[in-house]
Amino acid sequence: MHVDDRSETLNYRIREGEMQKVPYMAVIGQREADSDSLALRVRGAGKKQEVMPVAAFLERIGGEVRSRTLAP
């Protein structure tokens, strides 16, 4: 896990993560922090992002670690 808190723009950091082939990028802004959720960007899904509760993300990742697969 890596937190990118540089002063670069969000779009720049997302583009850089895509170029480095980061499988998951969780974007947490003020809105997500207030609702205990995150905006999840999955590599290969294009610009599509999914807003989900943090607990659901942790459950998803835990399942993938146990089964050693990445969900599409």
Protein backbone atom coordinates (compact mmCIF):
# COMPACT_ATOMS: atom_id res chain seq x y z
CA MET A 1 0.00 0.00 0.00
CA HIS A 2 1.21 3.48 -0.87
CA VAL A 3 -0.33 6.87 -0.08
CA ASP A 4 0.37 9.51 -2.71
CA ASP A 5 -0.05 12.82 -0.93
CA ARG A 6 2.08 14.93 -3.25
CA SER A 7 0.89 18.38 -4.24
CA GLU A 8 0.33 17.24 -7.85
CA THR A 9 -3.19 17.33 -9.28
CA LEU A 10 -5.43 14.33 -8.72
CA ASN A 11 -5.62 13.64 -12.47
CA TYR A 12 -1.81 13.63 -12.71
CA ARG A 13 -1.50 11.15 -9.83
CA ILE A 14 -4.21 8.90 -11.28
CA ARG A 15 -2.58 8.94 -14.72
CA GLU A 16 0.78 8.11 -13.16
CA GLY A 17 -0.76 5.19 -11.24
CA GLU A 18 -2.29 3.88 -14.45
CA MET A 19 1.08 4.05 -16.21
CA GLN A 20 2.64 2.09 -13.33
CA LYS A 21 -0.15 -0.50 -13.69
CA VAL A 22 -1.39 -0.13 -10.12
CA PRO A 23 -4.25 -2.68 -9.78
CA TYR A 24 -6.37 -0.61 -7.37
CA MET A 25 -6.48 3.11 -6.63
CA ALA A 26 -8.63 4.22 -3.74
CA VAL A 27 -9.42 7.93 -3.88
CA ILE A 28 -10.57 9.40 -0.58
CA GLY A 29 -11.69 13.01 -0.62
CA GLN A 30 -13.69 14.97 1.92
CA ARG A 31 -17.01 13.51 0.73
CA GLU A 32 -15.73 9.94 1.05
CA ALA A 33 -14.13 10.64 4.43
CA ASP A 34 -17.42 12.04 5.75
CA SER A 35 -19.34 8.93 4.64
CA ASP A 36 -16.65 6.34 5.56
CA SER A 37 -16.34 5.26 1.93
CA LEU A 38 -13.87 5.41 -0.95
CA ALA A 39 -13.91 5.82 -4.72
CA LEU A 40 -12.27 2.70 -6.13
CA ARG A 41 -10.59 2.72 -9.55
CA VAL A 42 -9.69 -0.72 -10.89
CA ARG A 43 -6.97 -1.08 -13.52
CA GLY A 44 -8.42 -2.01 -16.90
CA ALA A 45 -11.87 -0.60 -16.14
CA GLY A 46 -11.16 2.68 -17.95
CA LYS A 47 -12.32 5.83 -16.22
CA LYS A 48 -15.05 3.96 -14.35
CA GLN A 49 -14.91 4.20 -10.58
CA GLU A 50 -17.06 2.64 -7.91
CA VAL A 51 -17.93 4.32 -4.61
CA MET A 52 -18.13 1.76 -1.81
CA PRO A 53 -17.90 1.59 1.98
CA VAL A 54 -14.41 0.96 3.34
CA ALA A 55 -15.60 -2.27 5.00
CA ALA A 56 -16.84 -3.62 1.64
CA PHE A 57 -13.49 -2.83 0.02
CA LEU A 58 -11.58 -4.60 2.79
CA GLU A 59 -13.87 -7.63 2.45
CA ARG A 60 -13.32 -7.66 -1.33
CA ILE A 61 -9.54 -7.46 -1.01
CA GLY A 62 -9.52 -10.11 1.74
CA GLY A 63 -11.43 -12.49 -0.53
CA GLU A 64 -9.04 -11.87 -3.39
CA VAL A 65 -6.02 -12.49 -1.17
CA ARG A 66 -7.53 -15.75 0.11
CA SER A 67 -8.40 -16.98 -3.39
CA ARG A 68 -5.29 -15.39 -5.00
CA THR A 69 -7.34 -13.83 -7.80
CA LEU A 70 -8.26 -10.32 -8.88
CA ALA A 71 -11.94 -9.62 -9.37
CA PRO A 72 -12.86 -8.22 -12.81
